[in-house]
Amino acid sequence: MLRYLPFLLVLALWIYAFIDCLNTPEEQVRGLPKVIWVIIILLFGEVLVGPIAWLVAGKVRTTPAGGSTPSEWHRNQRTRFVAPDDNPEFLKSLKEEAASSSSAKDESLLKDWEADLRRREEELRRKENGEDPKDS
């Protein structure tokens, strides 16, 4: 089983580089046109030259979201994820949704349920007393 590990690692790196190249916007590709990079990755994938060349020189790499960068552009483009219960916009939308739901509709539904419950209770009482519930 271990003898297949190098082959699987090469295959995984080749697939990763290929998909990464395809998903990279044209503006972030360095050195050569994107089509040429795809061809290099496909032709030289078995010997790792193509995928490693792509990963090292083919794409403009950015620092991780938590890292510091001297470029002002990266600072302005960084996305900050917030949990829903900490997101003021989400909480505001919940309050608006609750306020806009019609309480009259809820009350009407509750009255219908209560009427149905009374009807069923009456049917049960009549059954227990030996009366035919359909007589009423």
N, C-alpha and C. Protein backbone atom coordinates (compact mmCIF):
# COMPACT_ATOMS: atom_id res chain seq x y z
N MET A 1 0.82 -1.20 0.00
CA MET A 1 0.00 0.00 0.00
C MET A 1 0.86 1.26 0.00
N LEU A 2 1.96 1.24 0.74
CA LEU A 2 2.83 2.41 0.81
C LEU A 2 3.55 2.68 -0.51
N ARG A 3 3.65 1.66 -1.35
CA ARG A 3 4.33 1.89 -2.63
C ARG A 3 3.50 2.78 -3.56
N TYR A 4 2.19 2.90 -3.29
CA TYR A 4 1.32 3.76 -4.10
C TYR A 4 1.29 5.19 -3.58
N LEU A 5 1.80 5.42 -2.39
CA LEU A 5 1.75 6.74 -1.78
C LEU A 5 2.44 7.82 -2.62
N PRO A 6 3.66 7.60 -3.12
CA PRO A 6 4.28 8.65 -3.96
C PRO A 6 3.44 8.98 -5.19
N PHE A 7 2.89 7.95 -5.82
CA PHE A 7 2.04 8.19 -7.00
C PHE A 7 0.82 9.02 -6.61
N LEU A 8 0.19 8.69 -5.49
CA LEU A 8 -1.00 9.43 -5.06
C LEU A 8 -0.67 10.87 -4.69
N LEU A 9 0.49 11.09 -4.08
CA LEU A 9 0.90 12.45 -3.74
C LEU A 9 1.15 13.29 -4.99
N VAL A 10 1.81 12.68 -5.98
CA VAL A 10 2.06 13.38 -7.25
C VAL A 10 0.73 13.70 -7.93
N LEU A 11 -0.18 12.74 -7.94
CA LEU A 11 -1.50 12.94 -8.55
C LEU A 11 -2.27 14.04 -7.83
N ALA A 12 -2.23 14.04 -6.50
CA ALA A 12 -2.94 15.06 -5.73
C ALA A 12 -2.37 16.45 -6.01
N LEU A 13 -1.06 16.57 -6.06
CA LEU A 13 -0.44 17.86 -6.35
C LEU A 13 -0.78 18.31 -7.76
N TRP A 14 -0.76 17.39 -8.70
CA TRP A 14 -1.09 17.71 -10.09
C TRP A 14 -2.54 18.21 -10.20
N ILE A 15 -3.46 17.51 -9.55
CA ILE A 15 -4.88 17.91 -9.60
C ILE A 15 -5.07 19.26 -8.92
N TYR A 16 -4.42 19.44 -7.77
CA TYR A 16 -4.55 20.71 -7.06
C TYR A 16 -4.06 21.88 -7.91
N ALA A 17 -2.88 21.73 -8.50
CA ALA A 17 -2.32 22.80 -9.33
C ALA A 17 -3.20 23.08 -10.54
N PHE A 18 -3.72 22.04 -11.15
CA PHE A 18 -4.57 22.20 -12.33
C PHE A 18 -5.85 22.96 -11.98
N ILE A 19 -6.52 22.56 -10.91
CA ILE A 19 -7.77 23.23 -10.51
C ILE A 19 -7.48 24.64 -10.03
N ASP A 20 -6.39 24.82 -9.31
CA ASP A 20 -6.02 26.16 -8.84
C ASP A 20 -5.76 27.09 -10.02
N CYS A 21 -5.09 26.58 -11.04
CA CYS A 21 -4.82 27.39 -12.23
C CYS A 21 -6.13 27.75 -12.95
N LEU A 22 -7.03 26.79 -13.07
CA LEU A 22 -8.30 27.07 -13.75
C LEU A 22 -9.15 28.07 -12.98
N ASN A 23 -9.10 28.05 -11.66
CA ASN A 23 -9.93 28.93 -10.85
C ASN A 23 -9.31 30.30 -10.60
N THR A 24 -8.06 30.48 -10.98
CA THR A 24 -7.39 31.75 -10.75
C THR A 24 -7.81 32.77 -11.80
N PRO A 25 -8.23 33.97 -11.37
CA PRO A 25 -8.56 35.01 -12.34
C PRO A 25 -7.34 35.39 -13.18
N GLU A 26 -7.58 35.79 -14.39
CA GLU A 26 -6.51 36.12 -15.33
C GLU A 26 -5.59 37.22 -14.79
N GLU A 27 -6.15 38.14 -13.97
CA GLU A 27 -5.35 39.25 -13.44
C GLU A 27 -4.31 38.77 -12.42
N GLN A 28 -4.52 37.61 -11.82
CA GLN A 28 -3.59 37.12 -10.80
C GLN A 28 -2.54 36.15 -11.35
N VAL A 29 -2.58 35.88 -12.65
CA VAL A 29 -1.62 34.96 -13.26
C VAL A 29 -0.37 35.76 -13.62
N ARG A 30 0.79 35.22 -13.23
CA ARG A 30 2.06 35.90 -13.48
C ARG A 30 2.84 35.20 -14.58
N GLY A 31 3.66 35.96 -15.28
CA GLY A 31 4.64 35.42 -16.20
C GLY A 31 4.11 35.03 -17.56
N LEU A 32 3.23 34.09 -17.62
CA LEU A 32 2.71 33.57 -18.89
C LEU A 32 1.18 33.67 -18.90
N PRO A 33 0.58 33.60 -20.08
CA PRO A 33 -0.88 33.55 -20.11
C PRO A 33 -1.41 32.29 -19.42
N LYS A 34 -2.61 32.37 -18.95
CA LYS A 34 -3.22 31.28 -18.19
C LYS A 34 -3.27 29.99 -19.01
N VAL A 35 -3.56 30.09 -20.28
CA VAL A 35 -3.65 28.91 -21.14
C VAL A 35 -2.31 28.17 -21.20
N ILE A 36 -1.23 28.93 -21.27
CA ILE A 36 0.10 28.32 -21.30
C ILE A 36 0.39 27.61 -19.98
N TRP A 37 -0.01 28.22 -18.86
CA TRP A 37 0.18 27.57 -17.56
C TRP A 37 -0.58 26.24 -17.49
N VAL A 38 -1.80 26.22 -18.01
CA VAL A 38 -2.58 24.97 -18.01
C VAL A 38 -1.85 23.91 -18.82
N ILE A 39 -1.34 24.28 -19.97
CA ILE A 39 -0.61 23.32 -20.82
C ILE A 39 0.65 22.82 -20.11
N ILE A 40 1.38 23.72 -19.46
CA ILE A 40 2.59 23.32 -18.73
C ILE A 40 2.24 22.34 -17.61
N ILE A 41 1.19 22.65 -16.87
CA ILE A 41 0.77 21.75 -15.78
C ILE A 41 0.38 20.39 -16.32
N LEU A 42 -0.35 20.36 -17.42
CA LEU A 42 -0.79 19.08 -17.99
C LEU A 42 0.37 18.28 -18.58
N LEU A 43 1.28 18.96 -19.29
CA LEU A 43 2.37 18.24 -19.95
C LEU A 43 3.45 17.77 -18.97
N PHE A 44 3.75 18.58 -17.97
CA PHE A 44 4.84 18.25 -17.06
C PHE A 44 4.35 17.86 -15.66
N GLY A 45 3.13 17.36 -15.57
CA GLY A 45 2.55 16.99 -14.29
C GLY A 45 3.17 15.75 -13.68
N GLU A 46 3.56 14.80 -14.52
CA GLU A 46 4.09 13.54 -14.00
C GLU A 46 5.44 13.72 -13.31
N VAL A 47 6.21 14.68 -13.76
CA VAL A 47 7.54 14.89 -13.17
C VAL A 47 7.51 16.05 -12.17
N LEU A 48 6.34 16.56 -11.87
CA LEU A 48 6.11 17.63 -10.89
C LEU A 48 6.66 18.99 -11.29
N VAL A 49 7.25 19.11 -12.46
CA VAL A 49 7.80 20.40 -12.88
C VAL A 49 6.68 21.40 -13.11
N GLY A 50 5.64 20.99 -13.81
CA GLY A 50 4.53 21.89 -14.12
C GLY A 50 3.78 22.36 -12.89
N PRO A 51 3.31 21.44 -12.04
CA PRO A 51 2.59 21.89 -10.85
C PRO A 51 3.44 22.73 -9.90
N ILE A 52 4.69 22.36 -9.70
CA ILE A 52 5.56 23.14 -8.80
C ILE A 52 5.85 24.51 -9.39
N ALA A 53 6.08 24.57 -10.72
CA ALA A 53 6.30 25.86 -11.36
C ALA A 53 5.09 26.77 -11.19
N TRP A 54 3.89 26.20 -11.33
CA TRP A 54 2.67 26.99 -11.15
C TRP A 54 2.57 27.51 -9.71
N LEU A 55 2.80 26.62 -8.75
CA LEU A 55 2.65 27.01 -7.36
C LEU A 55 3.71 28.04 -6.93
N VAL A 56 4.90 27.97 -7.53
CA VAL A 56 5.96 28.88 -7.14
C VAL A 56 5.88 30.20 -7.92
N ALA A 57 5.69 30.13 -9.23
CA ALA A 57 5.84 31.33 -10.04
C ALA A 57 4.61 31.73 -10.84
N GLY A 58 3.59 30.93 -10.87
CA GLY A 58 2.48 31.20 -11.77
C GLY A 58 1.38 32.09 -11.25
N LYS A 59 1.27 32.23 -9.94
CA LYS A 59 0.13 32.95 -9.39
C LYS A 59 0.61 33.95 -8.35
N VAL A 60 -0.05 35.10 -8.33
CA VAL A 60 0.23 36.08 -7.30
C VAL A 60 -0.36 35.54 -6.00
N ARG A 61 0.48 35.29 -5.02
CA ARG A 61 0.02 34.75 -3.74
C ARG A 61 -0.23 35.89 -2.77
N THR A 62 -1.28 35.74 -1.97
CA THR A 62 -1.59 36.73 -0.95
C THR A 62 -1.33 36.12 0.42
N THR A 63 -1.17 36.98 1.40
CA THR A 63 -0.95 36.48 2.76
C THR A 63 -2.26 35.97 3.34
N PRO A 64 -2.22 35.12 4.33
CA PRO A 64 -3.44 34.63 4.96
C PRO A 64 -4.24 35.76 5.58
N ALA A 65 -5.51 35.51 5.85
CA ALA A 65 -6.41 36.55 6.36
C ALA A 65 -5.92 37.15 7.67
N GLY A 66 -5.27 36.37 8.50
CA GLY A 66 -4.80 36.89 9.78
C GLY A 66 -3.44 37.56 9.70
N GLY A 67 -2.73 37.37 8.59
CA GLY A 67 -1.37 37.90 8.46
C GLY A 67 -1.36 39.36 8.11
N SER A 68 -0.19 39.96 8.28
CA SER A 68 -0.06 41.38 7.93
C SER A 68 0.49 41.50 6.53
N THR A 69 0.13 42.56 5.87
CA THR A 69 0.60 42.80 4.51
C THR A 69 0.85 44.29 4.33
N PRO A 70 1.90 44.65 3.60
CA PRO A 70 2.15 46.08 3.40
C PRO A 70 1.21 46.69 2.37
N SER A 71 0.53 45.90 1.62
CA SER A 71 -0.30 46.42 0.54
C SER A 71 -1.66 46.88 1.06
N GLU A 72 -2.00 48.10 0.78
CA GLU A 72 -3.29 48.66 1.20
C GLU A 72 -4.45 47.95 0.51
N TRP A 73 -4.26 47.51 -0.71
CA TRP A 73 -5.32 46.83 -1.46
C TRP A 73 -5.78 45.58 -0.73
N HIS A 74 -4.84 44.78 -0.21
CA HIS A 74 -5.21 43.56 0.49
C HIS A 74 -5.97 43.86 1.77
N ARG A 75 -5.59 44.92 2.45
CA ARG A 75 -6.27 45.27 3.70
C ARG A 75 -7.72 45.63 3.43
N ASN A 76 -7.98 46.33 2.35
CA ASN A 76 -9.35 46.74 2.05
C ASN A 76 -10.18 45.59 1.50
N GLN A 77 -9.57 44.58 0.93
CA GLN A 77 -10.31 43.47 0.32
C GLN A 77 -10.53 42.30 1.28
N ARG A 78 -9.92 42.34 2.45
CA ARG A 78 -10.03 41.23 3.39
C ARG A 78 -11.46 41.13 3.89
N THR A 79 -11.98 39.93 3.91
CA THR A 79 -13.34 39.70 4.39
C THR A 79 -13.29 39.28 5.84
N ARG A 80 -14.15 39.85 6.63
CA ARG A 80 -14.23 39.48 8.05
C ARG A 80 -15.53 38.74 8.26
N PHE A 81 -15.46 37.52 8.69
CA PHE A 81 -16.64 36.71 8.91
C PHE A 81 -17.14 36.90 10.33
N VAL A 82 -18.45 37.00 10.47
CA VAL A 82 -19.07 37.22 11.76
C VAL A 82 -20.14 36.15 11.95
N ALA A 83 -20.21 35.61 13.15
CA ALA A 83 -21.26 34.63 13.45
C ALA A 83 -22.62 35.32 13.37
N PRO A 84 -23.67 34.60 12.99
CA PRO A 84 -24.99 35.23 12.84
C PRO A 84 -25.48 35.93 14.11
N ASP A 85 -25.21 35.36 15.28
CA ASP A 85 -25.70 36.00 16.50
C ASP A 85 -24.88 37.23 16.89
N ASP A 86 -23.75 37.47 16.22
CA ASP A 86 -22.96 38.67 16.44
C ASP A 86 -23.12 39.68 15.31
N ASN A 87 -23.86 39.33 14.29
CA ASN A 87 -24.03 40.18 13.12
C ASN A 87 -25.22 41.11 13.33
N PRO A 88 -24.98 42.41 13.49
CA PRO A 88 -26.09 43.34 13.76
C PRO A 88 -27.12 43.39 12.62
N GLU A 89 -26.68 43.24 11.38
CA GLU A 89 -27.62 43.27 10.26
C GLU A 89 -28.56 42.07 10.31
N PHE A 90 -28.02 40.90 10.65
CA PHE A 90 -28.85 39.71 10.74
C PHE A 90 -29.85 39.83 11.88
N LEU A 91 -29.39 40.32 13.03
CA LEU A 91 -30.29 40.49 14.17
C LEU A 91 -31.38 41.50 13.86
N LYS A 92 -31.02 42.57 13.14
CA LYS A 92 -32.01 43.58 12.76
C LYS A 92 -33.05 42.98 11.82
N SER A 93 -32.60 42.13 10.89
CA SER A 93 -33.57 41.51 9.97
C SER A 93 -34.52 40.58 10.72
N LEU A 94 -34.03 39.91 11.77
CA LEU A 94 -34.91 39.06 12.56
C LEU A 94 -35.97 39.88 13.28
N LYS A 95 -35.56 41.03 13.84
CA LYS A 95 -36.51 41.90 14.53
C LYS A 95 -37.55 42.44 13.56
N GLU A 96 -37.11 42.84 12.37
CA GLU A 96 -38.05 43.35 11.38
C GLU A 96 -39.03 42.27 10.93
N GLU A 97 -38.53 41.07 10.78
CA GLU A 97 -39.38 39.97 10.36
C GLU A 97 -40.43 39.66 11.44
N ALA A 98 -40.00 39.69 12.70
CA ALA A 98 -40.93 39.42 13.79
C ALA A 98 -41.97 40.53 13.89
N ALA A 99 -41.55 41.78 13.67
CA ALA A 99 -42.49 42.89 13.74
C ALA A 99 -43.46 42.89 12.57
N SER A 100 -43.00 42.46 11.41
CA SER A 100 -43.86 42.50 10.24
C SER A 100 -44.83 41.32 10.17
N SER A 101 -44.57 40.25 10.93
CA SER A 101 -45.50 39.12 10.90
C SER A 101 -46.78 39.56 11.58
N SER A 102 -47.88 39.27 10.95
CA SER A 102 -49.16 39.79 11.45
C SER A 102 -49.61 38.97 12.64
N SER A 103 -49.80 39.68 13.77
CA SER A 103 -50.28 39.01 14.97
C SER A 103 -51.75 38.66 14.80
N ALA A 104 -52.47 39.39 13.94
CA ALA A 104 -53.88 39.07 13.69
C ALA A 104 -54.01 37.70 13.04
N LYS A 105 -53.07 37.39 12.15
CA LYS A 105 -53.08 36.07 11.51
C LYS A 105 -52.82 34.98 12.54
N ASP A 106 -51.90 35.24 13.46
CA ASP A 106 -51.60 34.27 14.52
C ASP A 106 -52.81 34.08 15.43
N GLU A 107 -53.48 35.18 15.78
CA GLU A 107 -54.66 35.09 16.64
C GLU A 107 -55.78 34.33 15.95
N SER A 108 -55.94 34.57 14.67
CA SER A 108 -56.98 33.86 13.91
C SER A 108 -56.70 32.36 13.90
N LEU A 109 -55.46 32.00 13.70
CA LEU A 109 -55.08 30.60 13.69
C LEU A 109 -55.31 29.97 15.07
N LEU A 110 -54.98 30.69 16.12
CA LEU A 110 -55.20 30.20 17.47
C LEU A 110 -56.70 29.99 17.75
N LYS A 111 -57.53 30.92 17.31
CA LYS A 111 -58.98 30.78 17.50
C LYS A 111 -59.51 29.57 16.75
N ASP A 112 -59.01 29.33 15.55
CA ASP A 112 -59.43 28.15 14.78
C ASP A 112 -59.06 26.87 15.51
N TRP A 113 -57.84 26.84 16.07
CA TRP A 113 -57.40 25.65 16.81
C TRP A 113 -58.27 25.43 18.06
N GLU A 114 -58.57 26.53 18.76
CA GLU A 114 -59.41 26.41 19.95
C GLU A 114 -60.81 25.91 19.60
N ALA A 115 -61.39 26.41 18.51
CA ALA A 115 -62.72 25.96 18.08
C ALA A 115 -62.68 24.49 17.71
N ASP A 116 -61.63 24.05 17.03
CA ASP A 116 -61.50 22.65 16.66
C ASP A 116 -61.36 21.78 17.91
N LEU A 117 -60.59 22.27 18.88
CA LEU A 117 -60.41 21.53 20.13
C LEU A 117 -61.74 21.40 20.87
N ARG A 118 -62.52 22.50 20.96
CA ARG A 118 -63.84 22.43 21.61
C ARG A 118 -64.76 21.44 20.90
N ARG A 119 -64.74 21.45 19.57
CA ARG A 119 -65.58 20.54 18.80
C ARG A 119 -65.21 19.09 19.09
N ARG A 120 -63.93 18.80 19.13
CA ARG A 120 -63.49 17.43 19.40
C ARG A 120 -63.83 16.99 20.83
N GLU A 121 -63.65 17.93 21.78
CA GLU A 121 -64.01 17.60 23.16
C GLU A 121 -65.50 17.30 23.28
N GLU A 122 -66.32 18.07 22.60
CA GLU A 122 -67.78 17.85 22.61
C GLU A 122 -68.11 16.49 22.01
N GLU A 123 -67.46 16.12 20.92
CA GLU A 123 -67.68 14.81 20.30
C GLU A 123 -67.30 13.69 21.26
N LEU A 124 -66.18 13.85 21.96
CA LEU A 124 -65.76 12.84 22.93
C LEU A 124 -66.77 12.70 24.07
N ARG A 125 -67.29 13.84 24.59
CA ARG A 125 -68.28 13.79 25.66
C ARG A 125 -69.54 13.06 25.20
N ARG A 126 -69.96 13.32 23.98
CA ARG A 126 -71.17 12.67 23.46
C ARG A 126 -70.95 11.17 23.29
N LYS A 127 -69.73 10.81 22.84
CA LYS A 127 -69.42 9.38 22.68
C LYS A 127 -69.46 8.69 24.03
N GLU A 128 -68.90 9.33 25.05
CA GLU A 128 -68.86 8.74 26.39
C GLU A 128 -70.27 8.59 26.97
N ASN A 129 -71.17 9.51 26.64
CA ASN A 129 -72.54 9.45 27.15
C ASN A 129 -73.43 8.56 26.31
N GLY A 130 -72.89 7.98 25.27
CA GLY A 130 -73.66 7.06 24.41
C GLY A 130 -74.44 7.77 23.33
N GLU A 131 -74.28 9.05 23.18
CA GLU A 131 -75.00 9.79 22.14
C GLU A 131 -74.26 9.66 20.83
N ASP A 132 -74.97 9.80 19.73
CA ASP A 132 -74.36 9.78 18.40
C ASP A 132 -73.80 11.17 18.12
N PRO A 133 -72.48 11.30 17.91
CA PRO A 133 -71.90 12.63 17.69
C PRO A 133 -72.41 13.29 16.41
N LYS A 134 -72.97 12.55 15.50
CA LYS A 134 -73.40 13.13 14.22
C LYS A 134 -74.80 13.72 14.33
N ASP A 135 -75.50 13.55 15.48
CA ASP A 135 -76.85 14.08 15.63
C ASP A 135 -76.88 15.60 15.71
N SER A 136 -75.82 16.21 16.13
CA SER A 136 -75.84 17.66 16.34
C SER A 136 -75.67 18.44 15.09
